[in-house]
Amino acid sequence: MALIVLSELKAVLGIGDIYADSIVQECADAAENIILSYLIFDDVAIKEVSLTSNVARFYCYDNTFVVGQVLTVSKCGSPFDGSRTVTNVGTENGVTFFEAAVTNANITRRMVIPSGRALLTSQAALYDTTPEIREAALAVASDIFITRNGTLGQQGVDFQSPAPYRLGRSMLTRVSGLLGKHLDTRSYLG
């Protein structure tokens, strides 16, 4: 996903090529991760995984997937991460799961901390062209950059004094109006 174009963020910040691209890109990536975590997606959090006879089982909170859907699994580690096609869904001891083919030696059921994620692959770029989402991501990226690179007691590149509170909950509430109808009611934006 790419909500923020590096050259656009540099233009918004008015920094040109003063800072290394890697520094600015880290701020853009962090902002995207934060904003995307609050948006509606057909996705689930994966809390445990196992692999038996080349069948991976992903234990999750409230599985919404059906057989045949293609998912992108992430943050579960090797060999679980990657593009997976759902081959079976079910419930075991009150915990929902989905299964997919993964060729690997058997792996005993283990917890995934922090939770992994399975996202319906067709939704991966859902918000890339939504203007209000892109603007919210730019605003958050700007706050992160200013706080990270500003010096306390001096004016930042937007002529505001950087302060630690800029990265608190107020950062998200300032953009909640932009996110509006796209907010996932399963998340919290206070």
C-alpha atoms as a PDB file:
ATOM      1  CA  MET A   1       0.000   0.000   0.000  1.00  0.00           C
ATOM      2  CA  ALA A   2       1.163   3.517  -0.654  1.00  0.00           C
ATOM      3  CA  LEU A   3      -0.929   6.300   0.831  1.00  0.00           C
ATOM      4  CA  ILE A   4       1.970   8.743   0.917  1.00  0.00           C
ATOM      5  CA  VAL A   5       4.271   9.591  -1.969  1.00  0.00           C
ATOM      6  CA  LEU A   6       7.716  10.544  -0.657  1.00  0.00           C
ATOM      7  CA  SER A   7       8.072  13.615  -2.889  1.00  0.00           C
ATOM      8  CA  GLU A   8       4.634  14.840  -1.793  1.00  0.00           C
ATOM      9  CA  LEU A   9       5.520  14.525   1.903  1.00  0.00           C
ATOM     10  CA  LYS A  10       8.790  16.399   1.323  1.00  0.00           C
ATOM     11  CA  ALA A  11       6.843  19.165  -0.445  1.00  0.00           C
ATOM     12  CA  VAL A  12       4.296  19.393   2.396  1.00  0.00           C
ATOM     13  CA  LEU A  13       7.120  19.615   4.942  1.00  0.00           C
ATOM     14  CA  GLY A  14       9.036  22.092   2.764  1.00  0.00           C
ATOM     15  CA  ILE A  15      12.315  20.245   3.287  1.00  0.00           C
ATOM     16  CA  GLY A  16      13.430  19.458  -0.258  1.00  0.00           C
ATOM     17  CA  ASP A  17      16.420  17.123  -0.070  1.00  0.00           C
ATOM     18  CA  ILE A  18      17.757  18.347   3.286  1.00  0.00           C
ATOM     19  CA  TYR A  19      16.972  15.029   5.004  1.00  0.00           C
ATOM     20  CA  ALA A  20      17.811  11.543   3.751  1.00  0.00           C
ATOM     21  CA  ASP A  21      14.958   9.785   1.975  1.00  0.00           C
ATOM     22  CA  SER A  22      15.172   6.924   4.482  1.00  0.00           C
ATOM     23  CA  ILE A  23      14.360   9.270   7.397  1.00  0.00           C
ATOM     24  CA  VAL A  24      11.339  10.779   5.640  1.00  0.00           C
ATOM     25  CA  GLN A  25      10.200   7.342   4.405  1.00  0.00           C
ATOM     26  CA  GLU A  26      10.221   5.971   7.966  1.00  0.00           C
ATOM     27  CA  CYS A  27       7.846   8.765   9.007  1.00  0.00           C
ATOM     28  CA  ALA A  28       5.598   8.041   6.011  1.00  0.00           C
ATOM     29  CA  ASP A  29       5.575   4.300   6.752  1.00  0.00           C
ATOM     30  CA  ALA A  30       4.757   4.876  10.421  1.00  0.00           C
ATOM     31  CA  ALA A  31       1.877   7.203   9.516  1.00  0.00           C
ATOM     32  CA  GLU A  32       0.486   4.698   7.009  1.00  0.00           C
ATOM     33  CA  ASN A  33       0.661   1.890   9.559  1.00  0.00           C
ATOM     34  CA  ILE A  34      -1.145   4.012  12.146  1.00  0.00           C
ATOM     35  CA  ILE A  35      -3.902   5.214   9.809  1.00  0.00           C
ATOM     36  CA  LEU A  36      -4.480   1.827   8.167  1.00  0.00           C
ATOM     37  CA  SER A  37      -4.849   0.176  11.574  1.00  0.00           C
ATOM     38  CA  TYR A  38      -8.033   2.202  12.151  1.00  0.00           C
ATOM     39  CA  LEU A  39      -9.715   1.599   8.780  1.00  0.00           C
ATOM     40  CA  ILE A  40     -12.319  -0.923   7.676  1.00  0.00           C
ATOM     41  CA  PHE A  41     -10.869  -3.994   5.998  1.00  0.00           C
ATOM     42  CA  ASP A  42     -12.022  -7.573   5.637  1.00  0.00           C
ATOM     43  CA  ASP A  43      -9.274  -8.829   7.907  1.00  0.00           C
ATOM     44  CA  VAL A  44      -8.755 -10.796  11.086  1.00  0.00           C
ATOM     45  CA  ALA A  45      -6.183 -10.891  13.859  1.00  0.00           C
ATOM     46  CA  ILE A  46      -4.361 -14.227  14.058  1.00  0.00           C
ATOM     47  CA  LYS A  47      -3.567 -15.340  17.604  1.00  0.00           C
ATOM     48  CA  GLU A  48      -2.139 -18.840  17.027  1.00  0.00           C
ATOM     49  CA  VAL A  49      -0.787 -20.945  14.166  1.00  0.00           C
ATOM     50  CA  SER A  50       0.080 -24.587  13.537  1.00  0.00           C
ATOM     51  CA  LEU A  51       1.147 -26.691  10.564  1.00  0.00           C
ATOM     52  CA  THR A  52       0.406 -30.380  10.090  1.00  0.00           C
ATOM     53  CA  SER A  53       0.909 -32.418   6.898  1.00  0.00           C
ATOM     54  CA  ASN A  54       1.372 -29.255   4.779  1.00  0.00           C
ATOM     55  CA  VAL A  55      -1.862 -27.690   6.070  1.00  0.00           C
ATOM     56  CA  ALA A  56      -1.462 -24.467   8.043  1.00  0.00           C
ATOM     57  CA  ARG A  57      -4.155 -23.604  10.550  1.00  0.00           C
ATOM     58  CA  PHE A  58      -4.614 -19.970  11.560  1.00  0.00           C
ATOM     59  CA  TYR A  59      -6.570 -19.464  14.799  1.00  0.00           C
ATOM     60  CA  CYS A  60      -8.185 -16.069  14.808  1.00  0.00           C
ATOM     61  CA  TYR A  61     -10.654 -13.712  16.369  1.00  0.00           C
ATOM     62  CA  ASP A  62     -14.004 -13.919  14.552  1.00  0.00           C
ATOM     63  CA  ASN A  63     -12.979 -15.438  11.212  1.00  0.00           C
ATOM     64  CA  THR A  64     -14.942 -13.858   8.332  1.00  0.00           C
ATOM     65  CA  PHE A  65     -13.267 -15.695   5.457  1.00  0.00           C
ATOM     66  CA  VAL A  66     -14.725 -18.446   3.282  1.00  0.00           C
ATOM     67  CA  VAL A  67     -13.176 -21.276   1.284  1.00  0.00           C
ATOM     68  CA  GLY A  68     -11.571 -20.077  -1.959  1.00  0.00           C
ATOM     69  CA  GLN A  69     -10.697 -16.528  -0.875  1.00  0.00           C
ATOM     70  CA  VAL A  70      -7.098 -15.381  -1.354  1.00  0.00           C
ATOM     71  CA  LEU A  71      -5.558 -13.734   1.711  1.00  0.00           C
ATOM     72  CA  THR A  72      -2.338 -11.978   2.534  1.00  0.00           C
ATOM     73  CA  VAL A  73      -1.035 -13.306   5.860  1.00  0.00           C
ATOM     74  CA  SER A  74       1.544 -11.198   7.697  1.00  0.00           C
ATOM     75  CA  LYS A  75       3.322 -10.977  11.059  1.00  0.00           C
ATOM     76  CA  CYS A  76       2.994 -14.736  11.731  1.00  0.00           C
ATOM     77  CA  GLY A  77       6.574 -15.526  10.707  1.00  0.00           C
ATOM     78  CA  SER A  78       7.980 -18.082   8.308  1.00  0.00           C
ATOM     79  CA  PRO A  79       6.545 -20.244   6.737  1.00  0.00           C
ATOM     80  CA  PHE A  80       3.067 -18.821   7.471  1.00  0.00           C
ATOM     81  CA  ASP A  81       3.383 -15.339   5.943  1.00  0.00           C
ATOM     82  CA  GLY A  82       2.488 -14.812   2.307  1.00  0.00           C
ATOM     83  CA  SER A  83      -0.376 -15.193  -0.118  1.00  0.00           C
ATOM     84  CA  ARG A  84      -2.698 -18.003   1.022  1.00  0.00           C
ATOM     85  CA  THR A  85      -5.895 -19.503  -0.392  1.00  0.00           C
ATOM     86  CA  VAL A  86      -8.448 -20.583   2.215  1.00  0.00           C
ATOM     87  CA  THR A  87      -9.062 -24.346   1.962  1.00  0.00           C
ATOM     88  CA  ASN A  88     -11.174 -24.872   5.087  1.00  0.00           C
ATOM     89  CA  VAL A  89     -12.828 -22.896   7.901  1.00  0.00           C
ATOM     90  CA  GLY A  90     -14.149 -24.045  11.240  1.00  0.00           C
ATOM     91  CA  THR A  91     -14.199 -23.811  15.005  1.00  0.00           C
ATOM     92  CA  GLU A  92     -12.125 -25.732  17.542  1.00  0.00           C
ATOM     93  CA  ASN A  93     -12.947 -25.428  21.247  1.00  0.00           C
ATOM     94  CA  GLY A  94     -14.791 -22.164  20.598  1.00  0.00           C
ATOM     95  CA  VAL A  95     -11.932 -20.618  18.594  1.00  0.00           C
ATOM     96  CA  THR A  96     -12.468 -19.945  14.878  1.00  0.00           C
ATOM     97  CA  PHE A  97      -9.814 -20.835  12.326  1.00  0.00           C
ATOM     98  CA  PHE A  98      -9.089 -21.013   8.627  1.00  0.00           C
ATOM     99  CA  GLU A  99      -6.682 -23.346   6.844  1.00  0.00           C
ATOM    100  CA  ALA A 100      -4.410 -23.003   3.824  1.00  0.00           C
ATOM    101  CA  ALA A 101      -1.831 -25.162   2.074  1.00  0.00           C
ATOM    102  CA  VAL A 102       1.736 -24.450   3.188  1.00  0.00           C
ATOM    103  CA  THR A 103       4.561 -26.810   2.312  1.00  0.00           C
ATOM    104  CA  ASN A 104       6.835 -27.188   5.310  1.00  0.00           C
ATOM    105  CA  ALA A 105       7.715 -29.532   8.149  1.00  0.00           C
ATOM    106  CA  ASN A 106       5.131 -29.804  10.907  1.00  0.00           C
ATOM    107  CA  ILE A 107       4.997 -26.948  13.436  1.00  0.00           C
ATOM    108  CA  THR A 108       3.335 -27.382  16.808  1.00  0.00           C
ATOM    109  CA  ARG A 109       0.554 -24.933  17.641  1.00  0.00           C
ATOM    110  CA  ARG A 110       2.086 -21.717  18.951  1.00  0.00           C
ATOM    111  CA  MET A 111       0.945 -18.240  19.904  1.00  0.00           C
ATOM    112  CA  VAL A 112       1.593 -15.241  17.656  1.00  0.00           C
ATOM    113  CA  ILE A 113       2.547 -12.210  19.760  1.00  0.00           C
ATOM    114  CA  PRO A 114       1.734  -9.537  18.779  1.00  0.00           C
ATOM    115  CA  SER A 115      -1.162 -10.851  16.722  1.00  0.00           C
ATOM    116  CA  GLY A 116      -0.644 -11.662  13.066  1.00  0.00           C
ATOM    117  CA  ARG A 117      -2.985 -10.439  10.351  1.00  0.00           C
ATOM    118  CA  ALA A 118      -4.873 -11.944   7.450  1.00  0.00           C
ATOM    119  CA  LEU A 119      -6.247  -9.475   4.902  1.00  0.00           C
ATOM    120  CA  LEU A 120      -8.432 -10.210   1.899  1.00  0.00           C
ATOM    121  CA  THR A 121      -5.862  -9.607  -0.858  1.00  0.00           C
ATOM    122  CA  SER A 122      -8.291  -7.801  -3.169  1.00  0.00           C
ATOM    123  CA  GLN A 123      -8.547  -5.039  -0.529  1.00  0.00           C
ATOM    124  CA  ALA A 124      -4.816  -4.404  -0.190  1.00  0.00           C
ATOM    125  CA  ALA A 125      -4.899  -1.111  -2.143  1.00  0.00           C
ATOM    126  CA  LEU A 126      -8.440  -0.112  -1.141  1.00  0.00           C
ATOM    127  CA  TYR A 127      -7.544   3.322   0.264  1.00  0.00           C
ATOM    128  CA  ASP A 128      -4.571   4.291  -1.931  1.00  0.00           C
ATOM    129  CA  THR A 129      -6.675   6.742  -3.952  1.00  0.00           C
ATOM    130  CA  THR A 130      -9.112   7.946  -1.253  1.00  0.00           C
ATOM    131  CA  PRO A 131      -8.283  11.670  -0.810  1.00  0.00           C
ATOM    132  CA  GLU A 132      -9.369  12.050   2.822  1.00  0.00           C
ATOM    133  CA  ILE A 133      -7.370   8.989   3.876  1.00  0.00           C
ATOM    134  CA  ARG A 134      -4.281  10.226   2.049  1.00  0.00           C
ATOM    135  CA  GLU A 135      -4.644  13.672   3.679  1.00  0.00           C
ATOM    136  CA  ALA A 136      -4.965  12.120   7.142  1.00  0.00           C
ATOM    137  CA  ALA A 137      -1.830  10.050   6.514  1.00  0.00           C
ATOM    138  CA  LEU A 138       0.080  13.149   5.338  1.00  0.00           C
ATOM    139  CA  ALA A 139      -0.988  15.066   8.459  1.00  0.00           C
ATOM    140  CA  VAL A 140       0.143  12.264  10.760  1.00  0.00           C
ATOM    141  CA  ALA A 141       3.413  11.810   8.841  1.00  0.00           C
ATOM    142  CA  SER A 142       4.086  15.543   9.191  1.00  0.00           C
ATOM    143  CA  ASP A 143       3.500  15.385  12.959  1.00  0.00           C
ATOM    144  CA  ILE A 144       5.831  12.408  13.267  1.00  0.00           C
ATOM    145  CA  PHE A 145       8.554  14.087  11.202  1.00  0.00           C
ATOM    146  CA  ILE A 146       8.320  17.395  13.070  1.00  0.00           C
ATOM    147  CA  THR A 147       8.391  15.713  16.464  1.00  0.00           C
ATOM    148  CA  ARG A 148      11.218  13.386  15.487  1.00  0.00           C
ATOM    149  CA  ASN A 149      13.477  15.951  13.864  1.00  0.00           C
ATOM    150  CA  GLY A 150      12.545  19.151  15.671  1.00  0.00           C
ATOM    151  CA  THR A 151      14.444  20.362  18.688  1.00  0.00           C
ATOM    152  CA  LEU A 152      12.523  21.269  21.794  1.00  0.00           C
ATOM    153  CA  GLY A 153      12.438  25.011  22.393  1.00  0.00           C
ATOM    154  CA  GLN A 154      12.997  25.860  18.733  1.00  0.00           C
ATOM    155  CA  GLN A 155      10.495  26.235  15.952  1.00  0.00           C
ATOM    156  CA  GLY A 156       9.949  23.254  13.648  1.00  0.00           C
ATOM    157  CA  VAL A 157       9.656  23.360   9.875  1.00  0.00           C
ATOM    158  CA  ASP A 158       5.977  24.377  10.239  1.00  0.00           C
ATOM    159  CA  PHE A 159       6.902  27.158  12.720  1.00  0.00           C
ATOM    160  CA  GLN A 160       5.361  25.292  15.655  1.00  0.00           C
ATOM    161  CA  SER A 161       7.343  24.241  18.682  1.00  0.00           C
ATOM    162  CA  PRO A 162       7.719  20.461  18.674  1.00  0.00           C
ATOM    163  CA  ALA A 163       6.403  18.751  21.786  1.00  0.00           C
ATOM    164  CA  PRO A 164       6.056  15.136  22.876  1.00  0.00           C
ATOM    165  CA  TYR A 165       2.251  15.374  23.102  1.00  0.00           C
ATOM    166  CA  ARG A 166       2.064  15.726  19.322  1.00  0.00           C
ATOM    167  CA  LEU A 167       2.430  11.948  18.998  1.00  0.00           C
ATOM    168  CA  GLY A 168      -0.264  11.152  21.554  1.00  0.00           C
ATOM    169  CA  ARG A 169      -3.948  10.499  21.132  1.00  0.00           C
ATOM    170  CA  SER A 170      -4.497  14.098  20.029  1.00  0.00           C
ATOM    171  CA  MET A 171      -2.622  13.299  16.811  1.00  0.00           C
ATOM    172  CA  LEU A 172      -5.335  10.822  15.855  1.00  0.00           C
ATOM    173  CA  THR A 173      -8.255  12.913  17.020  1.00  0.00           C
ATOM    174  CA  ARG A 174      -7.058  15.778  14.789  1.00  0.00           C
ATOM    175  CA  VAL A 175      -7.553  13.554  11.731  1.00  0.00           C
ATOM    176  CA  SER A 176     -10.627  11.602  12.879  1.00  0.00           C
ATOM    177  CA  GLY A 177     -12.902  13.863  10.845  1.00  0.00           C
ATOM    178  CA  LEU A 178     -10.988  12.995   7.694  1.00  0.00           C
ATOM    179  CA  LEU A 179     -11.202   9.278   8.445  1.00  0.00           C
ATOM    180  CA  GLY A 180     -14.948   9.544   9.208  1.00  0.00           C
ATOM    181  CA  LYS A 181     -16.949   6.853   7.454  1.00  0.00           C
ATOM    182  CA  HIS A 182     -13.847   4.731   6.843  1.00  0.00           C
ATOM    183  CA  LEU A 183     -13.203   4.026  10.543  1.00  0.00           C
ATOM    184  CA  ASP A 184     -13.507   0.426  11.619  1.00  0.00           C
ATOM    185  CA  THR A 185     -15.993   0.230  14.476  1.00  0.00           C
ATOM    186  CA  ARG A 186     -13.938  -2.665  15.880  1.00  0.00           C
ATOM    187  CA  SER A 187     -11.096  -0.228  16.595  1.00  0.00           C
ATOM    188  CA  TYR A 188     -10.981   2.670  19.012  1.00  0.00           C
ATOM    189  CA  LEU A 189     -10.229   6.256  18.098  1.00  0.00           C
ATOM    190  CA  GLY A 190     -10.870   8.354  21.158  1.00  0.00           C
END
